[in-house]
PDB file of all heavy atoms in Angstrom:
ATOM      1  N   ALA A   1     443.332 104.021  59.677  1.00  0.00           N
ATOM      2  CA  ALA A   1     443.329 104.552  61.173  1.00  0.00           C
ATOM      3  C   ALA A   1     444.675 104.421  61.773  1.00  0.00           C
ATOM      4  O   ALA A   1     445.296 105.439  62.317  1.00  0.00           O
ATOM      5  CB  ALA A   1     442.336 103.847  62.088  1.00  0.00           C
ATOM      6  N   LEU A   2     445.436 103.293  61.771  1.00  0.00           N
ATOM      7  CA  LEU A   2     446.667 103.090  62.313  1.00  0.00           C
ATOM      8  C   LEU A   2     447.807 103.532  61.434  1.00  0.00           C
ATOM      9  O   LEU A   2     448.690 104.293  61.834  1.00  0.00           O
ATOM     10  CB  LEU A   2     446.852 101.564  62.760  1.00  0.00           C
ATOM     11  CG  LEU A   2     445.952 100.955  63.833  1.00  0.00           C
ATOM     12  CD1 LEU A   2     446.371  99.650  64.204  1.00  0.00           C
ATOM     13  CD2 LEU A   2     445.930 101.998  64.993  1.00  0.00           C
ATOM     14  N   GLY A   3     447.782 103.068  60.135  1.00  0.00           N
ATOM     15  CA  GLY A   3     448.930 103.418  59.246  1.00  0.00           C
ATOM     16  C   GLY A   3     448.971 104.890  58.817  1.00  0.00           C
ATOM     17  O   GLY A   3     449.887 105.565  59.256  1.00  0.00           O
ATOM     18  N   ASN A   4     447.946 105.395  58.333  1.00  0.00           N
ATOM     19  CA  ASN A   4     447.932 106.789  57.924  1.00  0.00           C
ATOM     20  C   ASN A   4     447.821 107.715  59.198  1.00  0.00           C
ATOM     21  O   ASN A   4     448.547 108.802  59.220  1.00  0.00           O
ATOM     22  CB  ASN A   4     446.644 107.157  57.065  1.00  0.00           C
ATOM     23  CG  ASN A   4     446.880 106.661  55.597  1.00  0.00           C
ATOM     24  OD1 ASN A   4     446.017 106.800  54.796  1.00  0.00           O
ATOM     25  ND2 ASN A   4     448.013 106.051  55.297  1.00  0.00           N
ATOM     26  N   GLY A   5     446.986 107.317  60.081  1.00  0.00           N
ATOM     27  CA  GLY A   5     446.788 108.112  61.313  1.00  0.00           C
ATOM     28  C   GLY A   5     447.973 108.378  62.103  1.00  0.00           C
ATOM     29  O   GLY A   5     448.299 109.560  62.502  1.00  0.00           O
ATOM     30  N   PHE A   6     448.673 107.386  62.548  1.00  0.00           N
ATOM     31  CA  PHE A   6     449.867 107.521  63.368  1.00  0.00           C
ATOM     32  C   PHE A   6     451.078 108.019  62.544  1.00  0.00           C
ATOM     33  O   PHE A   6     451.919 108.690  63.265  1.00  0.00           O
ATOM     34  CB  PHE A   6     450.208 106.128  64.012  1.00  0.00           C
ATOM     35  CG  PHE A   6     449.431 105.903  65.269  1.00  0.00           C
ATOM     36  CD1 PHE A   6     448.157 105.173  65.156  1.00  0.00           C
ATOM     37  CD2 PHE A   6     449.802 106.298  66.526  1.00  0.00           C
ATOM     38  CE1 PHE A   6     447.343 104.980  66.307  1.00  0.00           C
ATOM     39  CE2 PHE A   6     449.015 106.126  67.644  1.00  0.00           C
ATOM     40  CZ  PHE A   6     447.752 105.448  67.530  1.00  0.00           C
ATOM     41  N   MET A   7     451.090 107.839  61.267  1.00  0.00           N
ATOM     42  CA  MET A   7     452.062 108.502  60.498  1.00  0.00           C
ATOM     43  C   MET A   7     451.979 109.972  60.559  1.00  0.00           C
ATOM     44  O   MET A   7     452.835 110.788  60.658  1.00  0.00           O
ATOM     45  CB  MET A   7     452.262 108.012  59.025  1.00  0.00           C
ATOM     46  CG  MET A   7     453.358 108.420  58.326  1.00  0.00           C
ATOM     47  SD  MET A   7     453.168 108.238  56.531  1.00  0.00           S
ATOM     48  CE  MET A   7     452.184 109.659  56.113  1.00  0.00           C
ATOM     49  N   SER A   8     450.615 110.391  60.570  1.00  0.00           N
ATOM     50  CA  SER A   8     450.422 111.877  60.559  1.00  0.00           C
ATOM     51  C   SER A   8     450.752 112.334  61.952  1.00  0.00           C
ATOM     52  O   SER A   8     451.284 113.460  62.040  1.00  0.00           O
ATOM     53  CB  SER A   8     448.945 112.138  60.228  1.00  0.00           C
ATOM     54  OG  SER A   8     448.568 111.802  58.899  1.00  0.00           O
ATOM     55  N   LEU A   9     450.413 111.609  63.023  1.00  0.00           N
ATOM     56  CA  LEU A   9     450.796 112.151  64.330  1.00  0.00           C
ATOM     57  C   LEU A   9     452.305 112.285  64.485  1.00  0.00           C
ATOM     58  O   LEU A   9     452.832 113.235  65.140  1.00  0.00           O
ATOM     59  CB  LEU A   9     450.298 111.141  65.398  1.00  0.00           C
ATOM     60  CG  LEU A   9     448.769 111.057  65.550  1.00  0.00           C
ATOM     61  CD1 LEU A   9     448.365 109.891  66.429  1.00  0.00           C
ATOM     62  CD2 LEU A   9     448.273 112.417  66.245  1.00  0.00           C
ATOM     63  N   ALA A  10     453.055 111.255  63.887  1.00  0.00           N
ATOM     64  CA  ALA A  10     454.515 111.340  63.990  1.00  0.00           C
ATOM     65  C   ALA A  10     455.028 112.528  63.150  1.00  0.00           C
ATOM     66  O   ALA A  10     456.171 112.984  63.538  1.00  0.00           O
ATOM     67  CB  ALA A  10     455.145 110.054  63.456  1.00  0.00           C
ATOM     68  N   GLY A  11     454.280 112.990  62.225  1.00  0.00           N
ATOM     69  CA  GLY A  11     454.890 114.074  61.406  1.00  0.00           C
ATOM     70  C   GLY A  11     455.081 115.427  62.144  1.00  0.00           C
ATOM     71  O   GLY A  11     455.805 116.298  61.609  1.00  0.00           O
ATOM     72  N   ARG A  12     454.453 115.534  63.344  1.00  0.00           N
ATOM     73  CA  ARG A  12     454.760 116.750  64.135  1.00  0.00           C
ATOM     74  C   ARG A  12     456.122 116.570  64.821  1.00  0.00           C
ATOM     75  O   ARG A  12     456.585 117.635  65.451  1.00  0.00           O
ATOM     76  CB  ARG A  12     453.595 116.988  65.076  1.00  0.00           C
ATOM     77  CG  ARG A  12     452.351 117.595  64.465  1.00  0.00           C
ATOM     78  CD  ARG A  12     451.327 117.849  65.449  1.00  0.00           C
ATOM     79  NE  ARG A  12     450.430 118.756  64.862  1.00  0.00           N
ATOM     80  CZ  ARG A  12     449.224 119.213  65.492  1.00  0.00           C
ATOM     81  NH1 ARG A  12     448.982 118.799  66.782  1.00  0.00           N
ATOM     82  NH2 ARG A  12     448.452 120.018  64.904  1.00  0.00           N
ATOM     83  N   ILE A  13     456.734 115.531  64.957  1.00  0.00           N
ATOM     84  CA  ILE A  13     457.835 115.152  65.794  1.00  0.00           C
ATOM     85  C   ILE A  13     459.124 114.902  64.930  1.00  0.00           C
ATOM     86  O   ILE A  13     460.191 115.402  65.303  1.00  0.00           O
ATOM     87  CB  ILE A  13     457.577 114.085  66.758  1.00  0.00           C
ATOM     88  CG1 ILE A  13     456.257 114.305  67.560  1.00  0.00           C
ATOM     89  CG2 ILE A  13     458.748 113.706  67.687  1.00  0.00           C
ATOM     90  CD1 ILE A  13     455.844 113.211  68.397  1.00  0.00           C
ATOM     91  N   VAL A  14     458.947 114.119  63.955  1.00  0.00           N
ATOM     92  CA  VAL A  14     460.127 113.718  63.148  1.00  0.00           C
ATOM     93  C   VAL A  14     459.930 114.269  61.559  1.00  0.00           C
ATOM     94  O   VAL A  14     458.779 114.307  61.139  1.00  0.00           O
ATOM     95  CB  VAL A  14     460.276 112.251  63.044  1.00  0.00           C
ATOM     96  CG1 VAL A  14     460.691 111.806  64.516  1.00  0.00           C
ATOM     97  CG2 VAL A  14     459.095 111.508  62.656  1.00  0.00           C
ATOM     98  N   PRO A  15     460.918 114.472  60.888  1.00  0.00           N
ATOM     99  CA  PRO A  15     460.900 114.935  59.598  1.00  0.00           C
ATOM    100  C   PRO A  15     460.205 113.977  58.604  1.00  0.00           C
ATOM    101  O   PRO A  15     460.202 112.782  58.894  1.00  0.00           O
ATOM    102  CB  PRO A  15     462.412 115.136  59.165  1.00  0.00           C
ATOM    103  CG  PRO A  15     463.127 115.348  60.453  1.00  0.00           C
ATOM    104  CD  PRO A  15     462.394 114.421  61.385  1.00  0.00           C
ATOM    105  N   SER A  16     459.714 114.479  57.514  1.00  0.00           N
ATOM    106  CA  SER A  16     459.141 113.583  56.460  1.00  0.00           C
ATOM    107  C   SER A  16     459.960 112.522  55.886  1.00  0.00           C
ATOM    108  O   SER A  16     459.549 111.345  55.765  1.00  0.00           O
ATOM    109  CB  SER A  16     458.437 114.454  55.323  1.00  0.00           C
ATOM    110  OG  SER A  16     459.481 115.171  54.635  1.00  0.00           O
ATOM    111  N   GLY A  17     461.250 112.818  55.644  1.00  0.00           N
ATOM    112  CA  GLY A  17     462.139 111.810  55.109  1.00  0.00           C
ATOM    113  C   GLY A  17     462.398 110.765  56.078  1.00  0.00           C
ATOM    114  O   GLY A  17     462.509 109.579  55.818  1.00  0.00           O
ATOM    115  N   PHE A  18     462.486 111.060  57.432  1.00  0.00           N
ATOM    116  CA  PHE A  18     462.689 110.070  58.435  1.00  0.00           C
ATOM    117  C   PHE A  18     461.417 109.205  58.500  1.00  0.00           C
ATOM    118  O   PHE A  18     461.713 107.940  58.498  1.00  0.00           O
ATOM    119  CB  PHE A  18     462.814 110.799  59.803  1.00  0.00           C
ATOM    120  CG  PHE A  18     462.992 110.015  60.997  1.00  0.00           C
ATOM    121  CD1 PHE A  18     464.123 109.952  61.616  1.00  0.00           C
ATOM    122  CD2 PHE A  18     461.911 109.250  61.527  1.00  0.00           C
ATOM    123  CE1 PHE A  18     464.339 109.147  62.781  1.00  0.00           C
ATOM    124  CE2 PHE A  18     462.003 108.503  62.729  1.00  0.00           C
ATOM    125  CZ  PHE A  18     463.339 108.371  63.254  1.00  0.00           C
ATOM    126  N   SER A  19     460.270 109.653  58.394  1.00  0.00           N
ATOM    127  CA  SER A  19     459.101 108.768  58.410  1.00  0.00           C
ATOM    128  C   SER A  19     459.045 107.860  57.193  1.00  0.00           C
ATOM    129  O   SER A  19     458.748 106.720  57.319  1.00  0.00           O
ATOM    130  CB  SER A  19     457.866 109.762  58.260  1.00  0.00           C
ATOM    131  OG  SER A  19     457.715 110.566  59.547  1.00  0.00           O
ATOM    132  N   SER A  20     459.447 108.446  56.081  1.00  0.00           N
ATOM    133  CA  SER A  20     459.409 107.561  54.896  1.00  0.00           C
ATOM    134  C   SER A  20     460.393 106.411  54.963  1.00  0.00           C
ATOM    135  O   SER A  20     460.128 105.174  54.511  1.00  0.00           O
ATOM    136  CB  SER A  20     459.720 108.309  53.666  1.00  0.00           C
ATOM    137  OG  SER A  20     461.057 108.855  53.618  1.00  0.00           O
ATOM    138  N   VAL A  21     461.573 106.586  55.585  1.00  0.00           N
ATOM    139  CA  VAL A  21     462.600 105.534  55.718  1.00  0.00           C
ATOM    140  C   VAL A  21     462.056 104.506  56.686  1.00  0.00           C
ATOM    141  O   VAL A  21     462.182 103.354  56.591  1.00  0.00           O
ATOM    142  CB  VAL A  21     463.902 106.198  56.159  1.00  0.00           C
ATOM    143  CG1 VAL A  21     464.855 105.028  56.581  1.00  0.00           C
ATOM    144  CG2 VAL A  21     464.520 106.985  55.052  1.00  0.00           C
ATOM    145  N   PHE A  22     461.458 105.037  57.862  1.00  0.00           N
ATOM    146  CA  PHE A  22     460.935 104.175  58.850  1.00  0.00           C
ATOM    147  C   PHE A  22     459.828 103.209  58.214  1.00  0.00           C
ATOM    148  O   PHE A  22     459.820 101.958  58.536  1.00  0.00           O
ATOM    149  CB  PHE A  22     460.386 104.902  60.042  1.00  0.00           C
ATOM    150  CG  PHE A  22     460.275 104.109  61.269  1.00  0.00           C
ATOM    151  CD1 PHE A  22     461.189 104.420  62.282  1.00  0.00           C
ATOM    152  CD2 PHE A  22     459.229 103.219  61.480  1.00  0.00           C
ATOM    153  CE1 PHE A  22     461.109 103.713  63.481  1.00  0.00           C
ATOM    154  CE2 PHE A  22     459.205 102.544  62.676  1.00  0.00           C
ATOM    155  CZ  PHE A  22     460.122 102.809  63.722  1.00  0.00           C
ATOM    156  N   MET A  23     458.945 103.758  57.448  1.00  0.00           N
ATOM    157  CA  MET A  23     457.827 103.010  56.903  1.00  0.00           C
ATOM    158  C   MET A  23     458.406 101.933  55.848  1.00  0.00           C
ATOM    159  O   MET A  23     457.628 100.935  55.536  1.00  0.00           O
ATOM    160  CB  MET A  23     456.833 103.947  56.228  1.00  0.00           C
ATOM    161  CG  MET A  23     456.098 104.789  57.186  1.00  0.00           C
ATOM    162  SD  MET A  23     455.146 103.903  58.347  1.00  0.00           S
ATOM    163  CE  MET A  23     453.709 103.329  57.419  1.00  0.00           C
ATOM    164  N   ALA A  24     459.611 102.095  55.412  1.00  0.00           N
ATOM    165  CA  ALA A  24     460.231 101.138  54.456  1.00  0.00           C
ATOM    166  C   ALA A  24     460.538  99.798  55.151  1.00  0.00           C
ATOM    167  O   ALA A  24     460.958  98.931  54.422  1.00  0.00           O
ATOM    168  CB  ALA A  24     461.426 101.801  53.706  1.00  0.00           C
ATOM    169  N   LEU A  25     460.368  99.753  56.413  1.00  0.00           N
ATOM    170  CA  LEU A  25     460.590  98.517  57.241  1.00  0.00           C
ATOM    171  C   LEU A  25     459.480  97.526  56.787  1.00  0.00           C
ATOM    172  O   LEU A  25     459.658  96.358  57.138  1.00  0.00           O
ATOM    173  CB  LEU A  25     460.646  98.804  58.672  1.00  0.00           C
ATOM    174  CG  LEU A  25     460.855  97.687  59.596  1.00  0.00           C
ATOM    175  CD1 LEU A  25     462.285  97.232  59.423  1.00  0.00           C
ATOM    176  CD2 LEU A  25     460.691  98.142  61.074  1.00  0.00           C
ATOM    177  N   GLY A  26     458.438  98.005  56.099  1.00  0.00           N
ATOM    178  CA  GLY A  26     457.297  97.091  55.851  1.00  0.00           C
ATOM    179  C   GLY A  26     457.584  95.650  55.309  1.00  0.00           C
ATOM    180  O   GLY A  26     457.174  94.733  55.887  1.00  0.00           O
ATOM    181  N   PRO A  27     458.450  95.495  54.190  1.00  0.00           N
ATOM    182  CA  PRO A  27     458.728  94.228  53.659  1.00  0.00           C
ATOM    183  C   PRO A  27     459.422  93.236  54.668  1.00  0.00           C
ATOM    184  O   PRO A  27     459.208  92.110  54.644  1.00  0.00           O
ATOM    185  CB  PRO A  27     459.696  94.616  52.526  1.00  0.00           C
ATOM    186  CG  PRO A  27     459.328  95.900  52.135  1.00  0.00           C
ATOM    187  CD  PRO A  27     459.006  96.596  53.301  1.00  0.00           C
ATOM    188  N   SER A  28     460.326  93.869  55.554  1.00  0.00           N
ATOM    189  CA  SER A  28     460.959  92.959  56.521  1.00  0.00           C
ATOM    190  C   SER A  28     459.887  92.535  57.544  1.00  0.00           C
ATOM    191  O   SER A  28     459.917  91.366  58.057  1.00  0.00           O
ATOM    192  CB  SER A  28     461.936  93.860  57.256  1.00  0.00           C
ATOM    193  OG  SER A  28     463.007  94.263  56.549  1.00  0.00           O
ATOM    194  N   LEU A  29     458.928  93.391  57.877  1.00  0.00           N
ATOM    195  CA  LEU A  29     457.843  92.937  58.836  1.00  0.00           C
ATOM    196  C   LEU A  29     456.914  91.768  58.222  1.00  0.00           C
ATOM    197  O   LEU A  29     456.554  90.909  58.835  1.00  0.00           O
ATOM    198  CB  LEU A  29     456.905  94.134  59.218  1.00  0.00           C
ATOM    199  CG  LEU A  29     457.427  95.123  60.194  1.00  0.00           C
ATOM    200  CD1 LEU A  29     456.527  96.335  60.456  1.00  0.00           C
ATOM    201  CD2 LEU A  29     457.838  94.438  61.439  1.00  0.00           C
ATOM    202  N   LEU A  30     456.729  91.922  56.894  1.00  0.00           N
ATOM    203  CA  LEU A  30     455.870  90.954  56.203  1.00  0.00           C
ATOM    204  C   LEU A  30     456.630  89.590  56.178  1.00  0.00           C
ATOM    205  O   LEU A  30     455.933  88.481  56.287  1.00  0.00           O
ATOM    206  CB  LEU A  30     455.611  91.414  54.773  1.00  0.00           C
ATOM    207  CG  LEU A  30     454.605  92.460  54.711  1.00  0.00           C
ATOM    208  CD1 LEU A  30     454.511  92.920  53.100  1.00  0.00           C
ATOM    209  CD2 LEU A  30     453.261  92.028  55.079  1.00  0.00           C
ATOM    210  N   VAL A  31     457.991  89.650  56.054  1.00  0.00           N
ATOM    211  CA  VAL A  31     458.710  88.340  56.180  1.00  0.00           C
ATOM    212  C   VAL A  31     458.452  87.711  57.499  1.00  0.00           C
ATOM    213  O   VAL A  31     458.232  86.463  57.638  1.00  0.00           O
ATOM    214  CB  VAL A  31     460.204  88.605  55.922  1.00  0.00           C
ATOM    215  CG1 VAL A  31     461.063  87.366  56.368  1.00  0.00           C
ATOM    216  CG2 VAL A  31     460.472  89.093  54.570  1.00  0.00           C
TER     217      VAL A  31
END
């Protein structure tokens, strides 16, 4: 709901490559 859902909502505003780079922040958040 949050991960997939909000990434899809963002897809109307920012490019797909932008979204993928942003989502790569994951390992830093896990730290």
